[in-house]
């Protein structure tokens, strides 16, 4: 693309640059830490839901060896471990430390586990919609995606008692996702971005939308890719991320997202590393362990949108394709 066409480039490679805004986290915190439990088990691709294949992502096998058209009972069992056992272990660890978290909630999965939905409500954790099902939204047509968003909202209203205020797709959004979220009108933020350590505003169809970035860096999914092998690997990596952000936070506070999957980190040998990290950050002062909705609301209050504040939307900037 010629340099003269730079203004038409539909990505923002600059962001806040060398002088990001001071987020003014509550209590003068040097860092905001958000733990996210991805609740997906029961909404993944499955033979029983008519998908013609079984999902095995982020399990001990990684990829299902069973041909399409046949049920992968081993893969199903590894997903079921997350909802049957891993969920309760994570809930216990957070309850013991009185730490809040955000649940990235796949609506159909929670419909199928009323006790888990009740436990999330009772614990006071907030939730962000992770879709109707745990599928790739970039594979859906506009009409299909609009319907999935509608189904997810209605379902979560029933199971968790209120509509979702945040949104996050599986892996990444489609080119129409943000357009459809703004069209729906009830989402205060989306987390379909990985490009910053602070929230920021974009314009979608002339309307401001807040983006609260997520991260696959400090995410237990790396166990499934062989990056983390032991709980020490996990703890050391998250500790180092926290330490640098905490040091930088003396002048430029940021946020840190810690993504968790029940069928991954919910196993004892991995949960041990999560517990050590939680205890580690609790040993520091000036740390804000926050729900994702709290971060979004804080940003909206502290930095309310004003014309010219927006960055370039990474997807859907022209209203969808």
C-alpha atoms as a PDB file:
ATOM      1  CA  UNK A   1       0.000   0.000   0.000  1.00  0.00           C
ATOM      2  CA  UNK A   2       1.485   3.401  -0.975  1.00  0.00           C
ATOM      3  CA  UNK A   3       2.357   5.746   1.857  1.00  0.00           C
ATOM      4  CA  UNK A   4      -0.260   8.185   0.596  1.00  0.00           C
ATOM      5  CA  UNK A   5      -2.948   5.635   1.468  1.00  0.00           C
ATOM      6  CA  UNK A   6      -1.901   5.339   5.124  1.00  0.00           C
ATOM      7  CA  UNK A   7      -5.053   7.044   6.404  1.00  0.00           C
ATOM      8  CA  UNK A   8      -7.185   4.333   4.819  1.00  0.00           C
ATOM      9  CA  UNK A   9      -5.273   1.524   6.537  1.00  0.00           C
ATOM     10  CA  UNK A  10      -7.865  -0.299   8.668  1.00  0.00           C
ATOM     11  CA  UNK A  11      -5.582  -1.120  11.609  1.00  0.00           C
ATOM     12  CA  UNK A  12      -4.122   0.898  14.445  1.00  0.00           C
ATOM     13  CA  UNK A  13      -0.443   0.055  14.901  1.00  0.00           C
ATOM     14  CA  UNK A  14       0.230   3.020  17.204  1.00  0.00           C
ATOM     15  CA  UNK A  15      -2.367   2.945  19.978  1.00  0.00           C
ATOM     16  CA  UNK A  16      -1.433   4.979  23.037  1.00  0.00           C
ATOM     17  CA  UNK A  17       2.248   5.048  22.062  1.00  0.00           C
ATOM     18  CA  UNK A  18       4.939   6.099  24.544  1.00  0.00           C
ATOM     19  CA  UNK A  19       2.576   8.012  26.813  1.00  0.00           C
ATOM     20  CA  UNK A  20      -0.440   5.858  27.710  1.00  0.00           C
ATOM     21  CA  UNK A  21      -3.016   7.462  29.983  1.00  0.00           C
ATOM     22  CA  UNK A  22      -2.695   6.891  33.695  1.00  0.00           C
ATOM     23  CA  UNK A  23      -5.722   4.671  34.400  1.00  0.00           C
ATOM     24  CA  UNK A  24      -6.211   5.983  37.948  1.00  0.00           C
ATOM     25  CA  UNK A  25      -7.092   2.525  39.221  1.00  0.00           C
ATOM     26  CA  UNK A  26      -9.062   2.561  42.496  1.00  0.00           C
ATOM     27  CA  UNK A  27      -6.981   3.024  45.625  1.00  0.00           C
ATOM     28  CA  UNK A  28      -3.984   4.129  43.604  1.00  0.00           C
ATOM     29  CA  UNK A  29      -3.308   0.541  42.494  1.00  0.00           C
ATOM     30  CA  UNK A  30      -0.204  -0.082  40.417  1.00  0.00           C
ATOM     31  CA  UNK A  31      -1.851  -2.912  38.490  1.00  0.00           C
ATOM     32  CA  UNK A  32      -5.323  -4.279  37.799  1.00  0.00           C
ATOM     33  CA  UNK A  33      -5.448  -8.077  37.650  1.00  0.00           C
ATOM     34  CA  UNK A  34      -8.458  -9.808  36.131  1.00  0.00           C
ATOM     35  CA  UNK A  35      -8.877 -13.581  36.398  1.00  0.00           C
ATOM     36  CA  UNK A  36     -11.120 -15.119  33.751  1.00  0.00           C
ATOM     37  CA  UNK A  37     -12.665 -18.571  33.975  1.00  0.00           C
ATOM     38  CA  UNK A  38     -13.753 -19.721  30.531  1.00  0.00           C
ATOM     39  CA  UNK A  39     -16.922 -21.772  30.973  1.00  0.00           C
ATOM     40  CA  UNK A  40     -17.166 -23.735  27.699  1.00  0.00           C
ATOM     41  CA  UNK A  41     -17.796 -27.367  28.577  1.00  0.00           C
ATOM     42  CA  UNK A  42     -21.115 -28.493  27.144  1.00  0.00           C
ATOM     43  CA  UNK A  43     -21.237 -25.946  24.320  1.00  0.00           C
ATOM     44  CA  UNK A  44     -18.331 -27.195  22.213  1.00  0.00           C
ATOM     45  CA  UNK A  45     -18.640 -28.966  18.867  1.00  0.00           C
ATOM     46  CA  UNK A  46     -20.074 -32.401  19.537  1.00  0.00           C
ATOM     47  CA  UNK A  47     -21.618 -35.299  17.722  1.00  0.00           C
ATOM     48  CA  UNK A  48     -24.584 -35.176  20.081  1.00  0.00           C
ATOM     49  CA  UNK A  49     -25.335 -31.575  19.050  1.00  0.00           C
ATOM     50  CA  UNK A  50     -25.386 -32.546  15.401  1.00  0.00           C
ATOM     51  CA  UNK A  51     -21.975 -31.165  14.431  1.00  0.00           C
ATOM     52  CA  UNK A  52     -20.715 -34.427  12.977  1.00  0.00           C
ATOM     53  CA  UNK A  53     -17.520 -34.276  14.999  1.00  0.00           C
ATOM     54  CA  UNK A  54     -16.252 -34.063  18.553  1.00  0.00           C
ATOM     55  CA  UNK A  55     -14.165 -31.205  19.942  1.00  0.00           C
ATOM     56  CA  UNK A  56     -10.885 -31.946  21.696  1.00  0.00           C
ATOM     57  CA  UNK A  57      -9.276 -28.479  21.875  1.00  0.00           C
ATOM     58  CA  UNK A  58      -7.490 -27.658  25.129  1.00  0.00           C
ATOM     59  CA  UNK A  59      -7.658 -31.234  26.363  1.00  0.00           C
ATOM     60  CA  UNK A  60      -4.928 -33.764  27.055  1.00  0.00           C
ATOM     61  CA  UNK A  61      -5.221 -35.131  23.516  1.00  0.00           C
ATOM     62  CA  UNK A  62      -5.270 -31.716  21.846  1.00  0.00           C
ATOM     63  CA  UNK A  63      -6.916 -32.863  18.614  1.00  0.00           C
ATOM     64  CA  UNK A  64      -9.540 -35.561  18.315  1.00  0.00           C
ATOM     65  CA  UNK A  65      -8.183 -38.669  16.514  1.00  0.00           C
ATOM     66  CA  UNK A  66     -11.706 -39.982  15.967  1.00  0.00           C
ATOM     67  CA  UNK A  67     -13.044 -39.462  12.414  1.00  0.00           C
ATOM     68  CA  UNK A  68     -15.903 -37.047  11.824  1.00  0.00           C
ATOM     69  CA  UNK A  69     -19.193 -38.834  12.117  1.00  0.00           C
ATOM     70  CA  UNK A  70     -18.118 -40.800  15.173  1.00  0.00           C
ATOM     71  CA  UNK A  71     -18.272 -39.749  18.801  1.00  0.00           C
ATOM     72  CA  UNK A  72     -14.983 -39.172  20.557  1.00  0.00           C
ATOM     73  CA  UNK A  73     -15.948 -40.443  23.991  1.00  0.00           C
ATOM     74  CA  UNK A  74     -12.478 -39.777  25.389  1.00  0.00           C
ATOM     75  CA  UNK A  75     -12.615 -36.172  24.213  1.00  0.00           C
ATOM     76  CA  UNK A  76     -16.087 -35.741  25.655  1.00  0.00           C
ATOM     77  CA  UNK A  77     -14.869 -37.114  28.970  1.00  0.00           C
ATOM     78  CA  UNK A  78     -11.969 -34.651  29.093  1.00  0.00           C
ATOM     79  CA  UNK A  79     -14.397 -31.779  28.550  1.00  0.00           C
ATOM     80  CA  UNK A  80     -16.706 -33.216  31.206  1.00  0.00           C
ATOM     81  CA  UNK A  81     -13.861 -33.181  33.718  1.00  0.00           C
ATOM     82  CA  UNK A  82     -13.920 -29.400  33.480  1.00  0.00           C
ATOM     83  CA  UNK A  83     -17.577 -29.040  34.443  1.00  0.00           C
ATOM     84  CA  UNK A  84     -17.704 -31.972  36.856  1.00  0.00           C
ATOM     85  CA  UNK A  85     -14.473 -31.372  38.778  1.00  0.00           C
ATOM     86  CA  UNK A  86     -12.326 -28.494  37.525  1.00  0.00           C
ATOM     87  CA  UNK A  87     -15.063 -25.899  37.973  1.00  0.00           C
ATOM     88  CA  UNK A  88     -15.525 -26.707  41.646  1.00  0.00           C
ATOM     89  CA  UNK A  89     -11.780 -26.730  42.317  1.00  0.00           C
ATOM     90  CA  UNK A  90     -11.406 -23.246  40.813  1.00  0.00           C
ATOM     91  CA  UNK A  91     -14.437 -21.953  42.679  1.00  0.00           C
ATOM     92  CA  UNK A  92     -12.931 -23.239  45.926  1.00  0.00           C
ATOM     93  CA  UNK A  93      -9.537 -21.619  45.303  1.00  0.00           C
ATOM     94  CA  UNK A  94     -11.115 -18.237  44.643  1.00  0.00           C
ATOM     95  CA  UNK A  95     -13.525 -18.525  47.570  1.00  0.00           C
ATOM     96  CA  UNK A  96     -10.724 -19.424  49.996  1.00  0.00           C
ATOM     97  CA  UNK A  97      -8.869 -16.243  49.040  1.00  0.00           C
ATOM     98  CA  UNK A  98     -11.959 -14.061  48.629  1.00  0.00           C
ATOM     99  CA  UNK A  99     -10.800 -13.128  45.121  1.00  0.00           C
ATOM    100  CA  UNK A 100     -13.307 -12.121  42.432  1.00  0.00           C
ATOM    101  CA  UNK A 101     -13.170 -13.325  38.862  1.00  0.00           C
ATOM    102  CA  UNK A 102     -14.951 -12.946  35.573  1.00  0.00           C
ATOM    103  CA  UNK A 103     -16.662 -15.892  33.893  1.00  0.00           C
ATOM    104  CA  UNK A 104     -16.486 -15.991  30.111  1.00  0.00           C
ATOM    105  CA  UNK A 105     -19.809 -17.776  29.849  1.00  0.00           C
ATOM    106  CA  UNK A 106     -20.914 -19.897  26.905  1.00  0.00           C
ATOM    107  CA  UNK A 107     -24.661 -19.763  27.325  1.00  0.00           C
ATOM    108  CA  UNK A 108     -25.584 -23.297  26.324  1.00  0.00           C
ATOM    109  CA  UNK A 109     -22.911 -24.753  28.606  1.00  0.00           C
ATOM    110  CA  UNK A 110     -24.393 -23.068  31.672  1.00  0.00           C
ATOM    111  CA  UNK A 111     -27.913 -24.041  30.650  1.00  0.00           C
ATOM    112  CA  UNK A 112     -26.717 -27.614  30.950  1.00  0.00           C
ATOM    113  CA  UNK A 113     -25.237 -27.141  34.427  1.00  0.00           C
ATOM    114  CA  UNK A 114     -27.728 -25.299  36.681  1.00  0.00           C
ATOM    115  CA  UNK A 115     -25.672 -25.952  39.853  1.00  0.00           C
ATOM    116  CA  UNK A 116     -22.676 -24.161  38.308  1.00  0.00           C
ATOM    117  CA  UNK A 117     -24.833 -21.205  37.276  1.00  0.00           C
ATOM    118  CA  UNK A 118     -26.235 -20.998  40.805  1.00  0.00           C
ATOM    119  CA  UNK A 119     -22.727 -21.149  42.301  1.00  0.00           C
ATOM    120  CA  UNK A 120     -21.508 -18.329  40.073  1.00  0.00           C
ATOM    121  CA  UNK A 121     -24.464 -16.178  41.078  1.00  0.00           C
ATOM    122  CA  UNK A 122     -23.964 -16.919  44.766  1.00  0.00           C
ATOM    123  CA  UNK A 123     -20.247 -16.110  44.612  1.00  0.00           C
ATOM    124  CA  UNK A 124     -20.871 -12.719  43.012  1.00  0.00           C
ATOM    125  CA  UNK A 125     -18.535 -13.254  40.079  1.00  0.00           C
ATOM    126  CA  UNK A 126     -19.382 -11.196  37.012  1.00  0.00           C
ATOM    127  CA  UNK A 127     -19.793 -12.731  33.588  1.00  0.00           C
ATOM    128  CA  UNK A 128     -19.010 -11.845  30.006  1.00  0.00           C
ATOM    129  CA  UNK A 129     -20.834 -13.557  27.144  1.00  0.00           C
ATOM    130  CA  UNK A 130     -18.609 -16.116  25.407  1.00  0.00           C
ATOM    131  CA  UNK A 131     -21.202 -16.872  22.765  1.00  0.00           C
ATOM    132  CA  UNK A 132     -24.208 -19.136  22.582  1.00  0.00           C
ATOM    133  CA  UNK A 133     -21.853 -22.004  21.823  1.00  0.00           C
ATOM    134  CA  UNK A 134     -18.077 -22.382  21.843  1.00  0.00           C
ATOM    135  CA  UNK A 135     -17.652 -22.034  18.103  1.00  0.00           C
ATOM    136  CA  UNK A 136     -15.793 -19.699  15.767  1.00  0.00           C
ATOM    137  CA  UNK A 137     -17.941 -16.660  15.015  1.00  0.00           C
ATOM    138  CA  UNK A 138     -15.905 -15.837  11.935  1.00  0.00           C
ATOM    139  CA  UNK A 139     -17.448 -18.919  10.311  1.00  0.00           C
ATOM    140  CA  UNK A 140     -21.014 -17.605  10.746  1.00  0.00           C
ATOM    141  CA  UNK A 141     -23.069 -15.562   8.322  1.00  0.00           C
ATOM    142  CA  UNK A 142     -24.399 -12.214   9.530  1.00  0.00           C
ATOM    143  CA  UNK A 143     -27.828 -13.740  10.098  1.00  0.00           C
ATOM    144  CA  UNK A 144     -26.427 -16.747  11.956  1.00  0.00           C
ATOM    145  CA  UNK A 145     -24.255 -14.582  14.175  1.00  0.00           C
ATOM    146  CA  UNK A 146     -27.090 -12.199  14.987  1.00  0.00           C
ATOM    147  CA  UNK A 147     -29.202 -15.178  16.041  1.00  0.00           C
ATOM    148  CA  UNK A 148     -26.398 -16.637  18.169  1.00  0.00           C
ATOM    149  CA  UNK A 149     -26.034 -13.318  20.000  1.00  0.00           C
ATOM    150  CA  UNK A 150     -29.784 -13.199  20.629  1.00  0.00           C
ATOM    151  CA  UNK A 151     -29.883 -16.769  21.917  1.00  0.00           C
ATOM    152  CA  UNK A 152     -26.915 -16.182  24.185  1.00  0.00           C
ATOM    153  CA  UNK A 153     -28.410 -13.076  25.783  1.00  0.00           C
ATOM    154  CA  UNK A 154     -31.770 -14.742  26.427  1.00  0.00           C
ATOM    155  CA  UNK A 155     -30.118 -17.846  27.853  1.00  0.00           C
ATOM    156  CA  UNK A 156     -27.772 -16.002  30.232  1.00  0.00           C
ATOM    157  CA  UNK A 157     -30.632 -13.844  31.473  1.00  0.00           C
ATOM    158  CA  UNK A 158     -32.347 -17.038  32.588  1.00  0.00           C
ATOM    159  CA  UNK A 159     -29.382 -18.912  34.044  1.00  0.00           C
ATOM    160  CA  UNK A 160     -27.409 -16.059  35.630  1.00  0.00           C
ATOM    161  CA  UNK A 161     -30.237 -13.643  36.366  1.00  0.00           C
ATOM    162  CA  UNK A 162     -29.224 -10.715  34.153  1.00  0.00           C
ATOM    163  CA  UNK A 163     -28.152  -9.959  30.627  1.00  0.00           C
ATOM    164  CA  UNK A 164     -24.422  -9.968  29.768  1.00  0.00           C
ATOM    165  CA  UNK A 165     -22.739  -6.563  29.587  1.00  0.00           C
ATOM    166  CA  UNK A 166     -19.529  -7.795  27.981  1.00  0.00           C
ATOM    167  CA  UNK A 167     -18.696  -9.968  24.986  1.00  0.00           C
ATOM    168  CA  UNK A 168     -15.796 -12.204  23.937  1.00  0.00           C
ATOM    169  CA  UNK A 169     -15.737 -14.623  20.973  1.00  0.00           C
ATOM    170  CA  UNK A 170     -13.916 -17.907  20.781  1.00  0.00           C
ATOM    171  CA  UNK A 171     -10.345 -16.980  19.737  1.00  0.00           C
ATOM    172  CA  UNK A 172     -11.288 -13.978  17.620  1.00  0.00           C
ATOM    173  CA  UNK A 173     -14.285 -12.156  16.172  1.00  0.00           C
ATOM    174  CA  UNK A 174     -15.633 -12.143  12.657  1.00  0.00           C
ATOM    175  CA  UNK A 175     -15.684  -9.005  10.542  1.00  0.00           C
ATOM    176  CA  UNK A 176     -19.328  -8.439  11.504  1.00  0.00           C
ATOM    177  CA  UNK A 177     -19.132  -9.177  15.230  1.00  0.00           C
ATOM    178  CA  UNK A 178     -18.591  -5.688  16.620  1.00  0.00           C
ATOM    179  CA  UNK A 179     -21.149  -4.252  14.229  1.00  0.00           C
ATOM    180  CA  UNK A 180     -23.713  -6.731  15.560  1.00  0.00           C
ATOM    181  CA  UNK A 181     -22.814  -6.018  19.187  1.00  0.00           C
ATOM    182  CA  UNK A 182     -23.304  -2.282  18.684  1.00  0.00           C
ATOM    183  CA  UNK A 183     -26.510  -2.973  16.776  1.00  0.00           C
ATOM    184  CA  UNK A 184     -27.816  -5.008  19.730  1.00  0.00           C
ATOM    185  CA  UNK A 185     -27.037  -2.069  21.985  1.00  0.00           C
ATOM    186  CA  UNK A 186     -26.713  -3.629  25.422  1.00  0.00           C
ATOM    187  CA  UNK A 187     -23.004  -4.419  25.653  1.00  0.00           C
ATOM    188  CA  UNK A 188     -20.893  -1.958  27.641  1.00  0.00           C
ATOM    189  CA  UNK A 189     -17.675  -3.433  26.272  1.00  0.00           C
ATOM    190  CA  UNK A 190     -16.177  -6.223  24.237  1.00  0.00           C
ATOM    191  CA  UNK A 191     -12.891  -8.042  24.755  1.00  0.00           C
ATOM    192  CA  UNK A 192     -12.334  -9.150  21.166  1.00  0.00           C
ATOM    193  CA  UNK A 193      -8.890  -7.555  21.109  1.00  0.00           C
ATOM    194  CA  UNK A 194      -5.387  -8.580  22.152  1.00  0.00           C
ATOM    195  CA  UNK A 195      -3.492  -5.443  21.215  1.00  0.00           C
ATOM    196  CA  UNK A 196      -3.055  -3.442  24.424  1.00  0.00           C
ATOM    197  CA  UNK A 197      -2.740  -3.491  28.195  1.00  0.00           C
ATOM    198  CA  UNK A 198      -5.325  -0.754  28.744  1.00  0.00           C
ATOM    199  CA  UNK A 199      -8.925  -0.304  27.580  1.00  0.00           C
ATOM    200  CA  UNK A 200      -9.598   2.019  24.657  1.00  0.00           C
ATOM    201  CA  UNK A 201     -12.460   3.406  22.594  1.00  0.00           C
ATOM    202  CA  UNK A 202     -13.298   2.671  18.962  1.00  0.00           C
ATOM    203  CA  UNK A 203     -16.085   3.910  16.744  1.00  0.00           C
ATOM    204  CA  UNK A 204     -18.414   1.391  15.145  1.00  0.00           C
ATOM    205  CA  UNK A 205     -20.984   2.782  12.725  1.00  0.00           C
ATOM    206  CA  UNK A 206     -20.477   6.178  14.338  1.00  0.00           C
ATOM    207  CA  UNK A 207     -21.092   4.863  17.862  1.00  0.00           C
ATOM    208  CA  UNK A 208     -18.394   4.537  20.554  1.00  0.00           C
ATOM    209  CA  UNK A 209     -17.555   1.042  21.768  1.00  0.00           C
ATOM    210  CA  UNK A 210     -15.211   0.300  24.646  1.00  0.00           C
ATOM    211  CA  UNK A 211     -12.629  -2.441  24.162  1.00  0.00           C
ATOM    212  CA  UNK A 212     -11.175  -4.121  27.249  1.00  0.00           C
ATOM    213  CA  UNK A 213      -8.260  -6.194  25.918  1.00  0.00           C
ATOM    214  CA  UNK A 214      -7.800  -9.860  26.742  1.00  0.00           C
ATOM    215  CA  UNK A 215      -4.602 -11.907  26.515  1.00  0.00           C
ATOM    216  CA  UNK A 216      -3.515 -15.320  25.289  1.00  0.00           C
ATOM    217  CA  UNK A 217      -0.051 -14.680  26.743  1.00  0.00           C
ATOM    218  CA  UNK A 218      -0.844 -15.241  30.427  1.00  0.00           C
ATOM    219  CA  UNK A 219      -3.329 -17.951  29.559  1.00  0.00           C
ATOM    220  CA  UNK A 220      -3.410 -21.591  30.614  1.00  0.00           C
ATOM    221  CA  UNK A 221      -4.109 -22.568  26.993  1.00  0.00           C
ATOM    222  CA  UNK A 222      -0.316 -22.694  26.663  1.00  0.00           C
ATOM    223  CA  UNK A 223      -0.439 -26.028  28.476  1.00  0.00           C
ATOM    224  CA  UNK A 224      -2.175 -27.391  25.393  1.00  0.00           C
ATOM    225  CA  UNK A 225       0.586 -26.078  23.129  1.00  0.00           C
ATOM    226  CA  UNK A 226       3.421 -27.485  25.205  1.00  0.00           C
ATOM    227  CA  UNK A 227       4.659 -24.081  26.399  1.00  0.00           C
ATOM    228  CA  UNK A 228       3.777 -24.840  30.021  1.00  0.00           C
ATOM    229  CA  UNK A 229       4.652 -28.281  31.270  1.00  0.00           C
ATOM    230  CA  UNK A 230       4.496 -27.949  35.039  1.00  0.00           C
ATOM    231  CA  UNK A 231       2.841 -25.734  37.604  1.00  0.00           C
ATOM    232  CA  UNK A 232       6.245 -24.106  38.138  1.00  0.00           C
ATOM    233  CA  UNK A 233       6.341 -23.091  34.456  1.00  0.00           C
ATOM    234  CA  UNK A 234       2.942 -21.498  34.776  1.00  0.00           C
ATOM    235  CA  UNK A 235       3.646 -19.759  38.078  1.00  0.00           C
ATOM    236  CA  UNK A 236       7.027 -18.425  36.981  1.00  0.00           C
ATOM    237  CA  UNK A 237       5.680 -17.018  33.743  1.00  0.00           C
ATOM    238  CA  UNK A 238       2.728 -15.267  35.395  1.00  0.00           C
ATOM    239  CA  UNK A 239       4.920 -14.028  38.240  1.00  0.00           C
ATOM    240  CA  UNK A 240       7.393 -12.467  35.803  1.00  0.00           C
ATOM    241  CA  UNK A 241       4.568 -10.795  33.886  1.00  0.00           C
ATOM    242  CA  UNK A 242       3.131  -9.440  37.112  1.00  0.00           C
ATOM    243  CA  UNK A 243       6.497  -8.253  38.430  1.00  0.00           C
ATOM    244  CA  UNK A 244       7.314  -6.159  35.371  1.00  0.00           C
ATOM    245  CA  UNK A 245       3.847  -4.649  35.195  1.00  0.00           C
ATOM    246  CA  UNK A 246       3.945  -3.959  38.927  1.00  0.00           C
ATOM    247  CA  UNK A 247       7.292  -2.166  38.599  1.00  0.00           C
ATOM    248  CA  UNK A 248       6.071  -0.147  35.628  1.00  0.00           C
ATOM    249  CA  UNK A 249       2.944   0.643  37.594  1.00  0.00           C
ATOM    250  CA  UNK A 250       4.829   3.126  39.743  1.00  0.00           C
ATOM    251  CA  UNK A 251       4.311   5.587  36.869  1.00  0.00           C
ATOM    252  CA  UNK A 252       2.275   3.785  34.166  1.00  0.00           C
ATOM    253  CA  UNK A 253      -0.233   1.295  35.651  1.00  0.00           C
ATOM    254  CA  UNK A 254      -1.666  -1.349  33.323  1.00  0.00           C
ATOM    255  CA  UNK A 255      -3.947  -4.379  33.504  1.00  0.00           C
ATOM    256  CA  UNK A 256      -3.174  -8.103  33.414  1.00  0.00           C
ATOM    257  CA  UNK A 257      -5.637 -10.751  32.232  1.00  0.00           C
ATOM    258  CA  UNK A 258      -5.243 -14.347  33.429  1.00  0.00           C
ATOM    259  CA  UNK A 259      -7.287 -16.760  31.325  1.00  0.00           C
ATOM    260  CA  UNK A 260      -8.294 -20.062  32.912  1.00  0.00           C
ATOM    261  CA  UNK A 261      -9.983 -23.161  31.492  1.00  0.00           C
ATOM    262  CA  UNK A 262     -11.658 -25.601  33.836  1.00  0.00           C
ATOM    263  CA  UNK A 263     -10.554 -28.692  31.888  1.00  0.00           C
ATOM    264  CA  UNK A 264      -6.961 -27.407  31.845  1.00  0.00           C
ATOM    265  CA  UNK A 265      -5.970 -25.517  35.009  1.00  0.00           C
ATOM    266  CA  UNK A 266      -8.636 -27.416  36.964  1.00  0.00           C
ATOM    267  CA  UNK A 267      -6.353 -30.448  37.263  1.00  0.00           C
ATOM    268  CA  UNK A 268      -4.557 -30.586  40.628  1.00  0.00           C
ATOM    269  CA  UNK A 269      -0.980 -30.444  39.336  1.00  0.00           C
ATOM    270  CA  UNK A 270      -1.807 -27.279  37.393  1.00  0.00           C
ATOM    271  CA  UNK A 271      -4.145 -25.675  39.917  1.00  0.00           C
ATOM    272  CA  UNK A 272      -1.221 -25.727  42.349  1.00  0.00           C
ATOM    273  CA  UNK A 273       0.563 -23.150  40.199  1.00  0.00           C
ATOM    274  CA  UNK A 274      -2.531 -20.957  40.031  1.00  0.00           C
ATOM    275  CA  UNK A 275      -2.867 -21.086  43.816  1.00  0.00           C
ATOM    276  CA  UNK A 276       0.778 -20.033  44.236  1.00  0.00           C
ATOM    277  CA  UNK A 277       0.294 -17.114  41.877  1.00  0.00           C
ATOM    278  CA  UNK A 278      -2.852 -15.955  43.642  1.00  0.00           C
ATOM    279  CA  UNK A 279      -1.058 -16.061  46.986  1.00  0.00           C
ATOM    280  CA  UNK A 280       1.908 -14.235  45.453  1.00  0.00           C
ATOM    281  CA  UNK A 281      -0.062 -11.236  44.251  1.00  0.00           C
ATOM    282  CA  UNK A 282      -2.015 -11.098  47.515  1.00  0.00           C
ATOM    283  CA  UNK A 283       1.341 -10.498  49.194  1.00  0.00           C
ATOM    284  CA  UNK A 284       1.701  -7.176  47.365  1.00  0.00           C
ATOM    285  CA  UNK A 285       0.030  -3.891  48.214  1.00  0.00           C
ATOM    286  CA  UNK A 286      -1.549  -1.587  45.652  1.00  0.00           C
ATOM    287  CA  UNK A 287      -2.981  -4.438  43.566  1.00  0.00           C
ATOM    288  CA  UNK A 288      -6.561  -4.227  42.310  1.00  0.00           C
ATOM    289  CA  UNK A 289      -7.961  -7.712  41.640  1.00  0.00           C
ATOM    290  CA  UNK A 290     -10.997  -6.722  39.633  1.00  0.00           C
ATOM    291  CA  UNK A 291     -13.950  -8.102  37.780  1.00  0.00           C
ATOM    292  CA  UNK A 292     -13.863  -7.244  34.099  1.00  0.00           C
ATOM    293  CA  UNK A 293     -17.088  -5.238  34.342  1.00  0.00           C
ATOM    294  CA  UNK A 294     -15.465  -3.168  37.102  1.00  0.00           C
ATOM    295  CA  UNK A 295     -12.562  -2.324  34.813  1.00  0.00           C
ATOM    296  CA  UNK A 296     -14.988  -1.377  32.035  1.00  0.00           C
ATOM    297  CA  UNK A 297     -17.133   0.767  34.313  1.00  0.00           C
ATOM    298  CA  UNK A 298     -14.083   2.454  35.803  1.00  0.00           C
ATOM    299  CA  UNK A 299     -12.795   3.334  32.344  1.00  0.00           C
ATOM    300  CA  UNK A 300     -16.148   4.625  31.170  1.00  0.00           C
ATOM    301  CA  UNK A 301     -16.371   6.846  34.251  1.00  0.00           C
ATOM    302  CA  UNK A 302     -12.752   8.026  34.270  1.00  0.00           C
ATOM    303  CA  UNK A 303     -12.351   8.391  30.495  1.00  0.00           C
ATOM    304  CA  UNK A 304     -15.864   8.912  29.080  1.00  0.00           C
ATOM    305  CA  UNK A 305     -15.872   8.934  25.318  1.00  0.00           C
ATOM    306  CA  UNK A 306     -15.275  12.265  23.604  1.00  0.00           C
ATOM    307  CA  UNK A 307     -14.958  12.798  19.845  1.00  0.00           C
ATOM    308  CA  UNK A 308     -11.412  12.190  18.711  1.00  0.00           C
ATOM    309  CA  UNK A 309     -10.639   9.781  21.546  1.00  0.00           C
ATOM    310  CA  UNK A 310     -11.269   6.690  19.427  1.00  0.00           C
ATOM    311  CA  UNK A 311      -8.639   4.397  18.003  1.00  0.00           C
ATOM    312  CA  UNK A 312      -9.115   2.511  14.748  1.00  0.00           C
ATOM    313  CA  UNK A 313     -11.414  -0.484  15.023  1.00  0.00           C
ATOM    314  CA  UNK A 314      -9.529  -3.614  14.027  1.00  0.00           C
ATOM    315  CA  UNK A 315     -12.586  -5.317  12.541  1.00  0.00           C
ATOM    316  CA  UNK A 316     -15.920  -4.219  11.198  1.00  0.00           C
ATOM    317  CA  UNK A 317     -14.805  -0.584  10.823  1.00  0.00           C
ATOM    318  CA  UNK A 318     -17.048  -0.094   7.837  1.00  0.00           C
ATOM    319  CA  UNK A 319     -20.098  -1.646   9.430  1.00  0.00           C
ATOM    320  CA  UNK A 320     -19.459  -5.251   8.496  1.00  0.00           C
ATOM    321  CA  UNK A 321     -18.934  -7.203   5.318  1.00  0.00           C
END
